[in-house]
C-alpha cells in the first residue's frame, strides 16, 4: 500500500507527494519526491520509469530526495522507508531532517508523513 509525504519549507513550499506503489502496480511504480531545478518545485516521479521525468516540464534532470546532495542535516527519525532493493538496489529513506528546497535553494525543506494512503 502506498502512502504520502508532505514537503514544507518556511519560504512557502508545500506539496503532498505519493510514495511507493499499490497492490496492482508495485513492480512498475514507485512514486517518490524529486527535486526539479527547472520548475523550482518538489515533484512526484516514478523511480521505476526507464526515463524518469518531471511531470510538469518533462525534463529528465530531476533528482530523487534520497540523493545525498539534497540532504542537509540528517534527521533522527525516519519519516518514510520504501524497500526497492530488488528494483533499484537501495531502500528509499526520508528522515525528519533538512533537505534542499527547490523554491528558495536553502536547506530548509522538511518532510513529514502525509494523510494519504492509497492502493
Protein backbone atom coordinates (compact mmCIF):
# COMPACT_ATOMS: atom_id res chain seq x y z
CA UNK A 1 0.00 0.00 0.00
CA UNK A 2 1.33 3.41 -0.95
CA UNK A 3 1.37 6.40 1.34
CA UNK A 4 2.30 10.06 1.08
CA UNK A 5 4.58 12.73 2.49
CA UNK A 6 4.21 16.47 2.74
CA UNK A 7 7.21 18.63 1.84
CA UNK A 8 7.19 22.04 3.54
CA UNK A 9 9.59 24.96 3.78
CA UNK A 10 9.37 28.34 5.56
CA UNK A 11 9.58 30.01 2.11
CA UNK A 12 6.07 28.73 1.29
CA UNK A 13 6.85 25.45 -0.49
CA UNK A 14 4.09 23.00 0.46
CA UNK A 15 3.50 19.87 -1.61
CA UNK A 16 1.98 16.44 -0.94
CA UNK A 17 3.69 13.59 -2.80
CA UNK A 18 2.61 9.97 -3.14
CA UNK A 19 5.14 7.35 -2.06
CA UNK A 20 5.61 3.82 -3.40
CA UNK A 21 3.19 1.72 -5.35
CA UNK A 22 -0.11 -0.04 -4.95
CA UNK A 23 -1.00 -3.71 -4.81
CA UNK A 24 -1.53 -3.92 -8.58
CA UNK A 25 1.41 -1.80 -9.75
CA UNK A 26 4.22 -2.05 -7.17
CA UNK A 27 6.50 -3.85 -9.65
CA UNK A 28 6.33 -0.98 -12.15
CA UNK A 29 5.50 2.04 -9.99
CA UNK A 30 7.44 3.67 -7.19
CA UNK A 31 6.44 7.28 -6.65
CA UNK A 32 8.93 9.39 -4.71
CA UNK A 33 9.62 13.10 -4.25
CA UNK A 34 12.22 14.59 -6.57
CA UNK A 35 13.96 17.93 -6.93
CA UNK A 36 13.29 19.74 -10.21
CA UNK A 37 15.60 22.71 -10.60
CA UNK A 38 13.92 23.58 -13.89
CA UNK A 39 10.48 24.06 -12.28
CA UNK A 40 11.87 25.02 -8.86
CA UNK A 41 9.49 22.51 -7.31
CA UNK A 42 9.26 19.26 -5.40
CA UNK A 43 7.71 16.87 -7.91
CA UNK A 44 6.37 13.34 -7.84
CA UNK A 45 8.16 10.92 -10.16
CA UNK A 46 8.05 7.19 -10.75
CA UNK A 47 11.57 5.98 -9.96
CA UNK A 48 10.92 2.73 -11.84
CA UNK A 49 10.31 4.50 -15.16
CA UNK A 50 13.09 3.90 -17.67
CA UNK A 51 13.19 7.62 -18.42
CA UNK A 52 12.28 9.41 -15.20
CA UNK A 53 10.95 12.91 -15.99
CA UNK A 54 9.35 15.86 -14.27
CA UNK A 55 5.56 15.63 -14.69
CA UNK A 56 5.37 19.40 -15.34
CA UNK A 57 8.27 20.46 -17.59
CA UNK A 58 9.25 16.95 -18.82
CA UNK A 59 12.97 17.42 -18.10
CA UNK A 60 14.89 14.29 -17.19
CA UNK A 61 17.16 16.30 -14.89
CA UNK A 62 15.33 15.57 -11.67
CA UNK A 63 16.96 14.22 -8.52
CA UNK A 64 15.25 11.87 -6.03
CA UNK A 65 15.29 13.24 -2.49
CA UNK A 66 17.22 10.25 -1.17
CA UNK A 67 20.27 11.61 -3.05
CA UNK A 68 22.90 12.77 -0.50
CA UNK A 69 23.47 16.03 -2.43
CA UNK A 70 19.97 17.17 -1.42
CA UNK A 71 20.32 16.33 2.28
CA UNK A 72 21.42 18.85 4.86
CA UNK A 73 21.12 17.87 8.49
CA UNK A 74 20.09 14.22 8.79
CA UNK A 75 17.06 13.73 10.99
CA UNK A 76 16.84 11.35 13.92
CA UNK A 77 13.56 9.81 12.80
CA UNK A 78 12.61 8.04 9.58
CA UNK A 79 9.54 9.64 8.00
CA UNK A 80 9.21 7.07 5.22
CA UNK A 81 11.06 3.98 4.07
CA UNK A 82 10.24 2.11 0.88
CA UNK A 83 12.07 -1.10 0.01
CA UNK A 84 13.10 -1.18 -3.64
CA UNK A 85 16.30 -3.13 -3.09
CA UNK A 86 15.29 -5.63 -5.78
CA UNK A 87 14.39 -3.00 -8.40
CA UNK A 88 16.81 -0.11 -7.63
CA UNK A 89 19.40 -1.67 -5.34
CA UNK A 90 18.53 0.53 -2.37
CA UNK A 91 15.93 1.41 0.22
CA UNK A 92 14.34 4.82 -0.25
CA UNK A 93 14.52 6.71 3.04
CA UNK A 94 13.42 10.20 4.04
CA UNK A 95 14.10 11.47 7.56
CA UNK A 96 12.76 14.41 9.54
CA UNK A 97 15.98 16.31 8.76
CA UNK A 98 16.55 19.22 6.39
CA UNK A 99 16.70 18.99 2.61
CA UNK A 100 17.38 21.43 -0.22
CA UNK A 101 14.31 23.42 -1.18
CA UNK A 102 13.95 23.99 -4.93
CA UNK A 103 11.99 27.19 -4.36
CA UNK A 104 14.42 29.13 -2.09
CA UNK A 105 17.57 26.99 -2.59
CA UNK A 106 18.12 26.67 1.18
CA UNK A 107 18.49 23.50 3.26
CA UNK A 108 15.18 24.20 5.00
CA UNK A 109 12.78 21.77 3.31
CA UNK A 110 11.33 19.13 5.63
CA UNK A 111 9.26 16.02 5.04
CA UNK A 112 6.50 14.71 7.27
CA UNK A 113 4.14 11.81 6.91
CA UNK A 114 1.10 12.70 4.81
CA UNK A 115 -2.53 11.78 5.29
CA UNK A 116 -3.00 9.83 2.07
CA UNK A 117 -2.92 6.02 1.92
CA UNK A 118 -3.60 4.51 -1.47
CA UNK A 119 -3.65 1.18 -3.27
